[in-house]
């Protein structure tokens, strides 16, 4: 691992072992629709995890998100990090994130490349309690999207999301709620909102102090 990325990972790991900004950062990107649900996870909440994969490219740091295809479900057509539901064969939630990342974008990440994890976040509409893990690698990964689970791969520059004007508000026409004005990250004409934006907001708070 190159010295710059090694220093970045070390600084990031240190920040991730400190007190995390959690709900304070989440609330910056919380859509108004969440106010219709209780804050605390239900007892039968399903456990899942995602992976935030960070890598250097052209002098900047990037992460990868995926656009979900249209399907009959609450997260249809939304942008998320690679990840999914904990399965019986998974040793841990970290293993879930690693397995799903390999399945969805074709990238194999080792536990040694994990810098730490962010705060858990509850997604009321789907009843998922999500643990976001963060990995750092030293080169652009060779990605191969799963055509069934991934519509498109979307790279996001970390420098862009820490920009003071990175957070905007957009109107979304949601099937259940109609027209909703939501806080989001707007990346290459892609609207990143909801739980993914809330996770990204916490990441933004942390990395803004080290890059």
N, C-alpha and C. Protein backbone atom coordinates (compact mmCIF):
# COMPACT_ATOMS: atom_id res chain seq x y z
N UNK A 1 0.85 -1.19 0.00
CA UNK A 1 0.00 0.00 0.00
C UNK A 1 0.89 1.24 0.00
N UNK A 2 0.63 2.19 -0.91
CA UNK A 2 1.44 3.39 -1.02
C UNK A 2 1.37 4.20 0.27
N UNK A 3 2.41 5.03 0.51
CA UNK A 3 2.50 5.74 1.78
C UNK A 3 1.32 6.67 2.03
N UNK A 4 0.86 7.40 0.99
CA UNK A 4 -0.25 8.34 1.18
C UNK A 4 -1.54 7.62 1.57
N UNK A 5 -1.84 6.54 0.85
CA UNK A 5 -3.07 5.80 1.15
C UNK A 5 -2.94 5.08 2.49
N UNK A 6 -1.71 4.68 2.85
CA UNK A 6 -1.49 4.05 4.15
C UNK A 6 -1.76 5.04 5.28
N UNK A 7 -1.29 6.27 5.09
CA UNK A 7 -1.53 7.32 6.09
C UNK A 7 -3.02 7.63 6.18
N UNK A 8 -3.67 7.68 5.03
CA UNK A 8 -5.10 7.96 5.02
C UNK A 8 -5.87 6.87 5.76
N UNK A 9 -5.53 5.61 5.47
CA UNK A 9 -6.22 4.50 6.15
C UNK A 9 -5.98 4.53 7.64
N UNK A 10 -4.74 4.83 8.04
CA UNK A 10 -4.41 4.88 9.46
C UNK A 10 -5.21 5.97 10.16
N UNK A 11 -5.28 7.14 9.54
CA UNK A 11 -6.03 8.26 10.12
C UNK A 11 -7.52 7.93 10.18
N UNK A 12 -8.01 7.30 9.12
CA UNK A 12 -9.42 6.93 9.07
C UNK A 12 -9.75 5.88 10.14
N UNK A 13 -8.89 4.89 10.28
CA UNK A 13 -9.10 3.85 11.30
C UNK A 13 -9.15 4.45 12.69
N UNK A 14 -8.27 5.41 12.93
CA UNK A 14 -8.24 6.07 14.24
C UNK A 14 -9.54 6.82 14.49
N UNK A 15 -10.04 7.52 13.48
CA UNK A 15 -11.29 8.26 13.63
C UNK A 15 -12.47 7.31 13.86
N UNK A 16 -12.42 6.14 13.22
CA UNK A 16 -13.53 5.20 13.33
C UNK A 16 -13.56 4.47 14.68
N UNK A 17 -12.47 4.54 15.43
CA UNK A 17 -12.47 3.96 16.78
C UNK A 17 -12.85 4.99 17.82
N UNK A 18 -12.96 6.25 17.40
CA UNK A 18 -13.36 7.33 18.30
C UNK A 18 -14.89 7.36 18.39
N UNK A 19 -15.43 8.31 19.14
CA UNK A 19 -16.89 8.47 19.21
C UNK A 19 -17.38 8.94 17.84
N UNK A 20 -18.31 8.22 17.28
CA UNK A 20 -18.79 8.51 15.93
C UNK A 20 -19.88 9.58 15.95
N UNK A 21 -19.98 10.38 14.88
CA UNK A 21 -20.99 11.44 14.84
C UNK A 21 -22.41 10.92 14.68
N UNK A 22 -22.56 9.68 14.20
CA UNK A 22 -23.83 8.98 14.17
C UNK A 22 -25.06 9.79 13.84
N UNK A 23 -26.02 9.83 14.78
CA UNK A 23 -27.33 10.43 14.52
C UNK A 23 -27.24 11.90 14.16
N UNK A 24 -26.25 12.60 14.69
CA UNK A 24 -26.09 14.03 14.37
C UNK A 24 -25.85 14.22 12.88
N UNK A 25 -24.98 13.37 12.31
CA UNK A 25 -24.71 13.44 10.87
C UNK A 25 -25.89 12.89 10.07
N UNK A 26 -26.50 11.84 10.56
CA UNK A 26 -27.64 11.24 9.87
C UNK A 26 -28.77 12.24 9.67
N UNK A 27 -29.03 13.05 10.69
CA UNK A 27 -30.16 13.97 10.64
C UNK A 27 -30.01 15.03 9.55
N UNK A 28 -28.77 15.35 9.16
CA UNK A 28 -28.55 16.32 8.09
C UNK A 28 -29.16 15.86 6.77
N UNK A 29 -29.21 14.55 6.57
CA UNK A 29 -29.73 13.99 5.31
C UNK A 29 -31.00 13.17 5.53
N UNK A 30 -31.62 13.32 6.65
CA UNK A 30 -32.82 12.55 6.95
C UNK A 30 -34.00 13.04 6.12
N UNK A 31 -34.61 12.17 5.31
CA UNK A 31 -35.77 12.59 4.52
C UNK A 31 -36.99 12.80 5.42
N UNK A 32 -37.87 13.71 5.05
CA UNK A 32 -39.05 13.96 5.89
C UNK A 32 -39.94 12.74 6.07
N UNK A 33 -39.85 11.78 5.16
CA UNK A 33 -40.68 10.57 5.26
C UNK A 33 -40.34 9.73 6.49
N UNK A 34 -39.12 9.87 7.03
CA UNK A 34 -38.72 9.07 8.20
C UNK A 34 -39.49 9.48 9.45
N UNK A 35 -40.03 10.68 9.44
CA UNK A 35 -40.78 11.14 10.61
C UNK A 35 -42.07 10.35 10.81
N UNK A 36 -42.44 9.56 9.80
CA UNK A 36 -43.64 8.73 9.91
C UNK A 36 -43.36 7.42 10.65
N UNK A 37 -42.09 7.19 11.00
CA UNK A 37 -41.70 5.93 11.62
C UNK A 37 -41.01 6.16 12.95
N UNK A 38 -41.02 5.17 13.85
CA UNK A 38 -40.27 5.30 15.10
C UNK A 38 -38.77 5.28 14.84
N UNK A 39 -38.01 5.97 15.70
CA UNK A 39 -36.56 6.04 15.52
C UNK A 39 -35.86 4.71 15.81
N UNK A 40 -36.38 3.99 16.81
CA UNK A 40 -35.70 2.77 17.25
C UNK A 40 -36.11 1.58 16.37
N UNK A 41 -35.15 0.68 16.10
CA UNK A 41 -35.47 -0.52 15.31
C UNK A 41 -36.50 -1.40 16.01
N UNK A 42 -37.34 -2.05 15.22
CA UNK A 42 -38.26 -3.02 15.79
C UNK A 42 -37.46 -4.24 16.26
N UNK A 43 -38.04 -4.99 17.17
CA UNK A 43 -37.34 -6.16 17.72
C UNK A 43 -37.02 -7.19 16.65
N UNK A 44 -37.84 -7.26 15.62
CA UNK A 44 -37.62 -8.24 14.56
C UNK A 44 -36.88 -7.65 13.36
N UNK A 45 -36.18 -6.53 13.59
CA UNK A 45 -35.42 -5.90 12.49
C UNK A 45 -34.43 -6.89 11.90
N UNK A 46 -34.35 -6.89 10.59
CA UNK A 46 -33.42 -7.79 9.89
C UNK A 46 -32.04 -7.14 9.81
N UNK A 47 -31.01 -7.92 10.14
CA UNK A 47 -29.64 -7.40 10.11
C UNK A 47 -29.07 -7.47 8.71
N UNK A 48 -28.35 -6.41 8.36
CA UNK A 48 -27.68 -6.37 7.06
C UNK A 48 -26.45 -5.48 7.18
N UNK A 49 -25.63 -5.46 6.14
CA UNK A 49 -24.43 -4.63 6.15
C UNK A 49 -24.09 -4.18 4.74
N UNK A 50 -23.35 -3.08 4.66
CA UNK A 50 -22.88 -2.57 3.38
C UNK A 50 -21.40 -2.29 3.48
N UNK A 51 -20.77 -2.11 2.33
CA UNK A 51 -19.34 -1.81 2.30
C UNK A 51 -19.10 -0.50 1.57
N UNK A 52 -18.41 0.41 2.24
CA UNK A 52 -17.94 1.64 1.61
C UNK A 52 -16.50 1.39 1.19
N UNK A 53 -16.28 1.25 -0.08
CA UNK A 53 -14.95 0.91 -0.62
C UNK A 53 -14.27 2.19 -1.09
N UNK A 54 -13.16 2.55 -0.47
CA UNK A 54 -12.44 3.78 -0.80
C UNK A 54 -11.14 3.44 -1.52
N UNK A 55 -10.86 4.17 -2.60
CA UNK A 55 -9.65 3.92 -3.39
C UNK A 55 -9.17 5.23 -4.02
N UNK A 56 -7.85 5.32 -4.33
CA UNK A 56 -7.33 6.53 -4.96
C UNK A 56 -7.48 6.46 -6.48
N UNK A 57 -7.75 7.62 -7.08
CA UNK A 57 -7.87 7.69 -8.53
C UNK A 57 -7.59 9.13 -8.97
N UNK A 58 -6.59 9.29 -9.82
CA UNK A 58 -6.24 10.60 -10.38
C UNK A 58 -6.06 11.66 -9.29
N UNK A 59 -5.38 11.27 -8.21
CA UNK A 59 -5.06 12.22 -7.16
C UNK A 59 -6.17 12.51 -6.18
N UNK A 60 -7.29 11.79 -6.30
CA UNK A 60 -8.41 11.97 -5.38
C UNK A 60 -8.79 10.62 -4.77
N UNK A 61 -9.63 10.67 -3.75
CA UNK A 61 -10.19 9.45 -3.18
C UNK A 61 -11.63 9.30 -3.65
N UNK A 62 -11.98 8.06 -3.99
CA UNK A 62 -13.32 7.77 -4.49
C UNK A 62 -13.93 6.62 -3.71
N UNK A 63 -15.26 6.54 -3.79
CA UNK A 63 -15.97 5.36 -3.35
C UNK A 63 -16.94 4.97 -4.45
N UNK A 64 -17.49 3.77 -4.36
CA UNK A 64 -18.39 3.28 -5.40
C UNK A 64 -19.78 3.03 -4.82
N UNK A 65 -20.79 3.49 -5.54
CA UNK A 65 -22.17 3.19 -5.19
C UNK A 65 -22.82 2.47 -6.36
N UNK A 66 -23.97 1.87 -6.10
CA UNK A 66 -24.66 1.14 -7.16
C UNK A 66 -26.10 1.61 -7.29
N UNK A 67 -26.56 1.66 -8.51
CA UNK A 67 -27.97 1.96 -8.78
C UNK A 67 -28.72 0.65 -8.86
N UNK A 68 -29.71 0.49 -7.99
CA UNK A 68 -30.53 -0.73 -8.00
C UNK A 68 -31.49 -0.69 -9.19
N UNK A 69 -31.76 -1.82 -9.81
CA UNK A 69 -32.73 -1.85 -10.92
C UNK A 69 -34.14 -1.64 -10.41
N UNK A 70 -35.05 -1.40 -11.31
CA UNK A 70 -36.46 -1.27 -10.94
C UNK A 70 -37.02 -2.66 -10.62
N UNK A 71 -37.68 -2.77 -9.48
CA UNK A 71 -38.29 -4.04 -9.09
C UNK A 71 -39.43 -3.73 -8.13
N UNK A 72 -40.16 -4.74 -7.76
CA UNK A 72 -41.30 -4.56 -6.86
C UNK A 72 -40.81 -4.58 -5.42
N UNK A 73 -40.33 -3.44 -4.94
CA UNK A 73 -39.79 -3.36 -3.58
C UNK A 73 -39.55 -1.92 -3.19
N UNK A 74 -39.32 -1.68 -1.88
CA UNK A 74 -39.23 -0.31 -1.38
C UNK A 74 -37.95 0.41 -1.82
N UNK A 75 -36.90 -0.33 -2.19
CA UNK A 75 -35.65 0.31 -2.58
C UNK A 75 -35.41 0.24 -4.09
N UNK A 76 -36.48 0.02 -4.84
CA UNK A 76 -36.39 -0.06 -6.29
C UNK A 76 -35.83 1.24 -6.87
N UNK A 77 -34.83 1.11 -7.75
CA UNK A 77 -34.29 2.26 -8.46
C UNK A 77 -33.49 3.22 -7.60
N UNK A 78 -33.12 2.83 -6.40
CA UNK A 78 -32.36 3.72 -5.52
C UNK A 78 -30.86 3.44 -5.59
N UNK A 79 -30.09 4.41 -5.12
CA UNK A 79 -28.64 4.28 -5.09
C UNK A 79 -28.22 3.82 -3.70
N UNK A 80 -27.33 2.84 -3.65
CA UNK A 80 -26.89 2.31 -2.36
C UNK A 80 -25.41 1.92 -2.44
N UNK A 81 -24.86 1.55 -1.31
CA UNK A 81 -23.55 0.93 -1.28
C UNK A 81 -23.73 -0.57 -1.49
N UNK A 82 -22.72 -1.27 -2.00
CA UNK A 82 -22.83 -2.72 -2.11
C UNK A 82 -23.12 -3.34 -0.74
N UNK A 83 -24.02 -4.30 -0.71
CA UNK A 83 -24.35 -4.93 0.57
C UNK A 83 -25.67 -5.65 0.51
N UNK A 84 -26.06 -6.21 1.64
CA UNK A 84 -27.31 -6.95 1.67
C UNK A 84 -27.56 -7.59 3.02
N UNK A 85 -28.51 -8.49 3.04
CA UNK A 85 -28.98 -9.11 4.27
C UNK A 85 -28.05 -10.21 4.77
N UNK A 86 -27.89 -10.25 6.09
CA UNK A 86 -27.13 -11.33 6.73
C UNK A 86 -27.79 -12.66 6.41
N UNK A 87 -26.98 -13.63 5.99
CA UNK A 87 -27.50 -14.96 5.67
C UNK A 87 -26.92 -15.99 6.62
N UNK A 88 -27.58 -17.10 6.71
CA UNK A 88 -27.21 -18.13 7.69
C UNK A 88 -25.76 -18.58 7.55
N UNK A 89 -25.24 -18.62 6.35
CA UNK A 89 -23.87 -19.07 6.15
C UNK A 89 -22.81 -18.03 6.44
N UNK A 90 -23.20 -16.79 6.72
CA UNK A 90 -22.24 -15.72 7.00
C UNK A 90 -21.72 -15.83 8.42
N UNK A 91 -20.41 -15.71 8.58
CA UNK A 91 -19.81 -15.78 9.92
C UNK A 91 -20.13 -14.54 10.74
N UNK A 92 -20.27 -13.41 10.05
CA UNK A 92 -20.51 -12.13 10.73
C UNK A 92 -21.10 -11.15 9.74
N UNK A 93 -21.50 -9.98 10.25
CA UNK A 93 -22.00 -8.93 9.36
C UNK A 93 -20.91 -8.42 8.43
N UNK A 94 -19.66 -8.46 8.89
CA UNK A 94 -18.55 -8.09 8.01
C UNK A 94 -18.47 -9.06 6.84
N UNK A 95 -18.60 -10.35 7.12
CA UNK A 95 -18.59 -11.34 6.05
C UNK A 95 -19.74 -11.12 5.07
N UNK A 96 -20.88 -10.68 5.59
CA UNK A 96 -22.00 -10.36 4.72
C UNK A 96 -21.63 -9.25 3.74
N UNK A 97 -21.03 -8.18 4.27
CA UNK A 97 -20.63 -7.05 3.42
C UNK A 97 -19.60 -7.46 2.37
N UNK A 98 -18.64 -8.29 2.78
CA UNK A 98 -17.60 -8.74 1.85
C UNK A 98 -18.20 -9.64 0.77
N UNK A 99 -19.07 -10.55 1.18
CA UNK A 99 -19.71 -11.47 0.22
C UNK A 99 -20.56 -10.70 -0.78
N UNK A 100 -21.38 -9.79 -0.28
CA UNK A 100 -22.27 -9.04 -1.16
C UNK A 100 -21.48 -8.15 -2.12
N UNK A 101 -20.37 -7.59 -1.66
CA UNK A 101 -19.54 -6.75 -2.52
C UNK A 101 -18.96 -7.56 -3.67
N UNK A 102 -18.52 -8.76 -3.37
CA UNK A 102 -17.99 -9.62 -4.42
C UNK A 102 -19.09 -10.03 -5.40
N UNK A 103 -20.27 -10.32 -4.87
CA UNK A 103 -21.37 -10.75 -5.73
C UNK A 103 -21.89 -9.61 -6.61
N UNK A 104 -22.00 -8.41 -6.04
CA UNK A 104 -22.65 -7.31 -6.75
C UNK A 104 -21.73 -6.54 -7.67
N UNK A 105 -20.46 -6.32 -7.26
CA UNK A 105 -19.57 -5.54 -8.12
C UNK A 105 -18.29 -6.29 -8.50
N UNK A 106 -18.20 -7.56 -8.10
CA UNK A 106 -17.08 -8.39 -8.54
C UNK A 106 -15.75 -8.06 -7.92
N UNK A 107 -15.75 -7.42 -6.75
CA UNK A 107 -14.49 -7.03 -6.09
C UNK A 107 -14.34 -7.82 -4.80
N UNK A 108 -13.20 -8.49 -4.67
CA UNK A 108 -12.91 -9.27 -3.47
C UNK A 108 -12.09 -8.44 -2.50
N UNK A 109 -12.63 -8.20 -1.33
CA UNK A 109 -11.95 -7.41 -0.30
C UNK A 109 -11.62 -8.32 0.88
N UNK A 110 -10.43 -8.14 1.45
CA UNK A 110 -10.04 -8.95 2.61
C UNK A 110 -10.31 -8.19 3.90
N UNK A 111 -10.36 -8.92 5.00
CA UNK A 111 -10.60 -8.28 6.29
C UNK A 111 -9.47 -7.32 6.66
N UNK A 112 -8.27 -7.58 6.14
CA UNK A 112 -7.12 -6.71 6.43
C UNK A 112 -7.28 -5.33 5.79
N UNK A 113 -8.13 -5.23 4.80
CA UNK A 113 -8.34 -3.95 4.11
C UNK A 113 -9.46 -3.12 4.75
N UNK A 114 -10.06 -3.66 5.81
CA UNK A 114 -11.13 -2.94 6.50
C UNK A 114 -10.53 -1.93 7.48
N UNK A 115 -10.99 -0.68 7.37
CA UNK A 115 -10.51 0.39 8.25
C UNK A 115 -11.35 0.50 9.51
N UNK A 116 -12.59 0.01 9.45
CA UNK A 116 -13.49 0.11 10.60
C UNK A 116 -14.93 0.15 10.13
N UNK A 117 -15.81 0.65 10.98
CA UNK A 117 -17.22 0.72 10.61
C UNK A 117 -17.85 2.00 11.14
N UNK A 118 -18.93 2.39 10.49
CA UNK A 118 -19.70 3.56 10.90
C UNK A 118 -20.83 3.14 11.83
N UNK A 119 -21.65 4.11 12.22
CA UNK A 119 -22.78 3.82 13.11
C UNK A 119 -23.84 3.00 12.38
N UNK A 120 -24.48 2.11 13.11
CA UNK A 120 -25.62 1.38 12.54
C UNK A 120 -26.73 2.38 12.20
N UNK A 121 -27.50 2.04 11.19
CA UNK A 121 -28.63 2.87 10.80
C UNK A 121 -29.84 1.98 10.51
N UNK A 122 -30.97 2.40 10.99
CA UNK A 122 -32.20 1.63 10.81
C UNK A 122 -32.97 2.18 9.62
N UNK A 123 -33.48 1.27 8.77
CA UNK A 123 -34.28 1.65 7.60
C UNK A 123 -35.70 1.15 7.84
N UNK A 124 -36.59 2.01 8.32
CA UNK A 124 -37.94 1.57 8.70
C UNK A 124 -38.76 0.92 7.59
N UNK A 125 -38.79 1.47 6.35
CA UNK A 125 -39.68 0.88 5.34
C UNK A 125 -39.41 -0.60 5.06
N UNK A 126 -38.13 -1.00 5.11
CA UNK A 126 -37.78 -2.39 4.84
C UNK A 126 -37.43 -3.16 6.11
N UNK A 127 -37.44 -2.46 7.27
CA UNK A 127 -37.14 -3.07 8.57
C UNK A 127 -35.74 -3.69 8.62
N UNK A 128 -34.77 -2.99 8.01
CA UNK A 128 -33.37 -3.43 8.05
C UNK A 128 -32.58 -2.57 9.03
N UNK A 129 -31.74 -3.20 9.83
CA UNK A 129 -30.75 -2.51 10.65
C UNK A 129 -29.40 -2.75 9.99
N UNK A 130 -28.81 -1.68 9.48
CA UNK A 130 -27.64 -1.79 8.60
C UNK A 130 -26.36 -1.35 9.31
N UNK A 131 -25.32 -2.16 9.17
CA UNK A 131 -23.98 -1.81 9.65
C UNK A 131 -23.09 -1.48 8.45
N UNK A 132 -22.61 -0.24 8.35
CA UNK A 132 -21.72 0.13 7.24
C UNK A 132 -20.24 -0.09 7.60
N UNK A 133 -19.56 -0.90 6.84
CA UNK A 133 -18.12 -1.10 7.00
C UNK A 133 -17.37 -0.25 5.97
N UNK A 134 -16.13 0.10 6.31
CA UNK A 134 -15.31 0.93 5.42
C UNK A 134 -14.01 0.19 5.11
N UNK A 135 -13.71 0.05 3.82
CA UNK A 135 -12.47 -0.58 3.37
C UNK A 135 -11.65 0.43 2.58
N UNK A 136 -10.34 0.30 2.65
CA UNK A 136 -9.44 1.17 1.89
C UNK A 136 -8.47 0.29 1.11
N UNK A 137 -8.40 0.50 -0.20
CA UNK A 137 -7.46 -0.25 -1.04
C UNK A 137 -6.57 0.74 -1.79
N UNK A 138 -5.47 0.26 -2.34
CA UNK A 138 -4.46 1.19 -2.86
C UNK A 138 -4.53 1.42 -4.37
N UNK A 139 -5.56 0.90 -5.04
CA UNK A 139 -5.68 1.14 -6.48
C UNK A 139 -7.14 1.01 -6.90
N UNK A 140 -7.44 1.50 -8.09
CA UNK A 140 -8.80 1.42 -8.61
C UNK A 140 -9.17 -0.05 -8.80
N UNK A 141 -10.24 -0.51 -8.21
CA UNK A 141 -10.59 -1.92 -8.36
C UNK A 141 -11.15 -2.24 -9.74
N UNK A 142 -10.95 -3.46 -10.17
CA UNK A 142 -11.58 -3.92 -11.41
C UNK A 142 -12.98 -4.40 -11.06
N UNK A 143 -13.96 -3.63 -11.48
CA UNK A 143 -15.34 -3.91 -11.08
C UNK A 143 -16.12 -4.59 -12.20
N UNK A 144 -16.97 -5.50 -11.81
CA UNK A 144 -17.84 -6.23 -12.76
C UNK A 144 -19.21 -6.34 -12.10
N UNK A 145 -20.15 -5.55 -12.59
CA UNK A 145 -21.45 -5.50 -11.93
C UNK A 145 -22.29 -6.73 -12.24
N UNK A 146 -23.07 -7.13 -11.24
CA UNK A 146 -24.04 -8.21 -11.42
C UNK A 146 -25.26 -7.61 -12.12
N UNK A 147 -25.56 -8.07 -13.31
CA UNK A 147 -26.61 -7.45 -14.12
C UNK A 147 -28.00 -7.60 -13.50
N UNK A 148 -28.19 -8.58 -12.63
CA UNK A 148 -29.49 -8.79 -12.00
C UNK A 148 -29.72 -7.82 -10.85
N UNK A 149 -28.65 -7.55 -10.06
CA UNK A 149 -28.80 -6.74 -8.87
C UNK A 149 -28.36 -5.29 -9.04
N UNK A 150 -27.60 -5.01 -10.11
CA UNK A 150 -27.02 -3.68 -10.27
C UNK A 150 -27.34 -3.14 -11.67
N UNK A 151 -27.98 -1.98 -11.69
CA UNK A 151 -28.27 -1.32 -12.96
C UNK A 151 -27.06 -0.55 -13.48
N UNK A 152 -26.37 0.13 -12.55
CA UNK A 152 -25.25 0.98 -12.94
C UNK A 152 -24.30 1.18 -11.76
N UNK A 153 -23.00 1.31 -12.04
CA UNK A 153 -22.01 1.66 -11.04
C UNK A 153 -21.79 3.16 -11.07
N UNK A 154 -21.76 3.79 -9.90
CA UNK A 154 -21.61 5.24 -9.82
C UNK A 154 -20.46 5.58 -8.88
N UNK A 155 -19.38 6.13 -9.44
CA UNK A 155 -18.25 6.55 -8.62
C UNK A 155 -18.55 7.91 -7.97
N UNK A 156 -18.12 8.05 -6.73
CA UNK A 156 -18.35 9.29 -5.99
C UNK A 156 -17.02 9.77 -5.42
N UNK A 157 -16.63 10.98 -5.76
CA UNK A 157 -15.40 11.57 -5.23
C UNK A 157 -15.63 12.03 -3.80
N UNK A 158 -14.76 11.61 -2.89
CA UNK A 158 -14.91 12.03 -1.50
C UNK A 158 -14.67 13.53 -1.36
N UNK A 159 -13.80 14.08 -2.19
CA UNK A 159 -13.57 15.52 -2.17
C UNK A 159 -14.84 16.28 -2.53
N UNK A 160 -15.64 15.70 -3.43
CA UNK A 160 -16.90 16.35 -3.82
C UNK A 160 -17.92 16.35 -2.69
N UNK A 161 -18.00 15.25 -1.93
CA UNK A 161 -19.05 15.20 -0.91
C UNK A 161 -18.70 16.03 0.33
N UNK A 162 -17.42 16.40 0.50
CA UNK A 162 -17.09 17.26 1.65
C UNK A 162 -17.15 18.73 1.27
N UNK A 163 -17.45 19.03 0.02
CA UNK A 163 -17.60 20.42 -0.41
C UNK A 163 -18.74 21.06 0.37
N UNK A 164 -18.59 22.33 0.77
CA UNK A 164 -19.65 23.00 1.55
C UNK A 164 -21.03 22.97 0.90
N UNK A 165 -21.07 22.92 -0.43
CA UNK A 165 -22.35 22.92 -1.13
C UNK A 165 -22.74 21.53 -1.64
N UNK A 166 -22.15 20.50 -1.04
CA UNK A 166 -22.40 19.13 -1.51
C UNK A 166 -23.83 18.68 -1.23
N UNK A 167 -24.40 19.16 -0.13
CA UNK A 167 -25.76 18.75 0.25
C UNK A 167 -26.77 19.73 -0.34
N UNK A 168 -27.69 19.20 -1.13
CA UNK A 168 -28.72 20.02 -1.77
C UNK A 168 -30.09 19.43 -1.42
N UNK A 169 -31.14 20.05 -1.94
CA UNK A 169 -32.50 19.52 -1.76
C UNK A 169 -33.13 19.35 -3.14
N UNK A 170 -33.77 18.20 -3.32
CA UNK A 170 -34.41 17.89 -4.60
C UNK A 170 -35.82 17.39 -4.37
N UNK A 171 -36.67 17.59 -5.36
CA UNK A 171 -38.02 17.05 -5.32
C UNK A 171 -38.05 15.65 -5.90
N UNK A 172 -38.61 14.71 -5.17
CA UNK A 172 -38.78 13.34 -5.64
C UNK A 172 -40.26 13.00 -5.66
N UNK A 173 -40.67 12.30 -6.67
CA UNK A 173 -42.06 11.83 -6.72
C UNK A 173 -42.08 10.38 -6.25
N UNK A 174 -42.45 10.18 -4.99
CA UNK A 174 -42.44 8.86 -4.39
C UNK A 174 -43.84 8.25 -4.44
N UNK A 175 -43.88 6.99 -4.79
CA UNK A 175 -45.16 6.32 -5.00
C UNK A 175 -46.06 6.41 -3.77
N UNK A 176 -45.49 6.24 -2.60
CA UNK A 176 -46.29 6.20 -1.38
C UNK A 176 -46.62 7.59 -0.82
N UNK A 177 -45.73 8.57 -1.09
CA UNK A 177 -45.87 9.88 -0.45
C UNK A 177 -46.12 11.02 -1.43
N UNK A 178 -46.03 10.76 -2.72
CA UNK A 178 -46.20 11.84 -3.69
C UNK A 178 -44.93 12.66 -3.82
N UNK A 179 -45.06 13.97 -4.02
CA UNK A 179 -43.92 14.84 -4.22
C UNK A 179 -43.28 15.19 -2.86
N UNK A 180 -42.01 14.84 -2.70
CA UNK A 180 -41.31 15.05 -1.42
C UNK A 180 -40.01 15.80 -1.68
N UNK A 181 -39.77 16.84 -0.87
CA UNK A 181 -38.55 17.64 -0.97
C UNK A 181 -37.52 17.03 -0.01
N UNK A 182 -36.46 16.40 -0.55
CA UNK A 182 -35.53 15.67 0.30
C UNK A 182 -34.11 16.25 0.24
N UNK A 183 -33.38 16.20 1.36
CA UNK A 183 -31.96 16.53 1.32
C UNK A 183 -31.21 15.37 0.67
N UNK A 184 -30.17 15.68 -0.08
CA UNK A 184 -29.47 14.62 -0.82
C UNK A 184 -28.10 15.10 -1.27
N UNK A 185 -27.31 14.15 -1.77
CA UNK A 185 -26.10 14.45 -2.52
C UNK A 185 -26.45 14.31 -4.00
N UNK A 186 -26.04 15.28 -4.80
CA UNK A 186 -26.34 15.26 -6.24
C UNK A 186 -25.03 15.02 -6.98
N UNK A 187 -24.86 13.80 -7.51
CA UNK A 187 -23.59 13.39 -8.11
C UNK A 187 -23.81 13.00 -9.58
N UNK A 188 -23.22 13.78 -10.48
CA UNK A 188 -23.35 13.48 -11.92
C UNK A 188 -24.81 13.21 -12.30
N UNK A 189 -25.68 14.09 -11.85
CA UNK A 189 -27.12 14.02 -12.14
C UNK A 189 -27.80 12.81 -11.49
N UNK A 190 -27.14 12.22 -10.51
CA UNK A 190 -27.73 11.13 -9.73
C UNK A 190 -28.07 11.64 -8.33
N UNK A 191 -29.28 11.36 -7.88
CA UNK A 191 -29.73 11.79 -6.56
C UNK A 191 -29.49 10.68 -5.54
N UNK A 192 -28.59 10.94 -4.60
CA UNK A 192 -28.30 9.99 -3.53
C UNK A 192 -29.02 10.48 -2.29
N UNK A 193 -30.04 9.76 -1.86
CA UNK A 193 -30.86 10.22 -0.76
C UNK A 193 -31.19 9.04 0.17
N UNK A 194 -31.99 9.33 1.21
CA UNK A 194 -32.41 8.26 2.12
C UNK A 194 -31.27 7.73 2.96
N UNK A 195 -31.32 6.45 3.29
CA UNK A 195 -30.34 5.84 4.19
C UNK A 195 -28.92 5.93 3.64
N UNK A 196 -28.76 5.78 2.32
CA UNK A 196 -27.42 5.86 1.73
C UNK A 196 -26.82 7.24 1.93
N UNK A 197 -27.62 8.28 1.73
CA UNK A 197 -27.14 9.65 1.95
C UNK A 197 -26.84 9.89 3.43
N UNK A 198 -27.62 9.30 4.31
CA UNK A 198 -27.39 9.46 5.74
C UNK A 198 -26.07 8.80 6.15
N UNK A 199 -25.80 7.61 5.59
CA UNK A 199 -24.51 6.95 5.82
C UNK A 199 -23.37 7.80 5.27
N UNK A 200 -23.57 8.32 4.05
CA UNK A 200 -22.56 9.14 3.39
C UNK A 200 -22.31 10.43 4.18
N UNK A 201 -23.34 10.93 4.84
CA UNK A 201 -23.20 12.14 5.65
C UNK A 201 -22.27 11.90 6.84
N UNK A 202 -22.40 10.73 7.47
CA UNK A 202 -21.49 10.41 8.57
C UNK A 202 -20.07 10.24 8.07
N UNK A 203 -19.92 9.57 6.93
CA UNK A 203 -18.59 9.43 6.32
C UNK A 203 -18.00 10.81 6.02
N UNK A 204 -18.84 11.69 5.50
CA UNK A 204 -18.42 13.06 5.16
C UNK A 204 -17.87 13.78 6.39
N UNK A 205 -18.57 13.67 7.51
CA UNK A 205 -18.14 14.31 8.74
C UNK A 205 -16.76 13.81 9.17
N UNK A 206 -16.56 12.51 9.04
CA UNK A 206 -15.30 11.90 9.48
C UNK A 206 -14.14 12.25 8.55
N UNK A 207 -14.34 12.08 7.25
CA UNK A 207 -13.21 12.29 6.32
C UNK A 207 -12.88 13.76 6.13
N UNK A 208 -13.82 14.66 6.45
CA UNK A 208 -13.55 16.09 6.27
C UNK A 208 -12.43 16.55 7.17
N UNK A 209 -12.12 15.75 8.18
CA UNK A 209 -11.06 16.11 9.12
C UNK A 209 -9.71 15.50 8.76
N UNK A 210 -9.71 14.66 7.73
CA UNK A 210 -8.44 13.97 7.41
C UNK A 210 -8.03 14.11 5.94
N UNK A 211 -8.87 14.72 5.09
CA UNK A 211 -8.44 14.94 3.69
C UNK A 211 -8.61 16.41 3.32
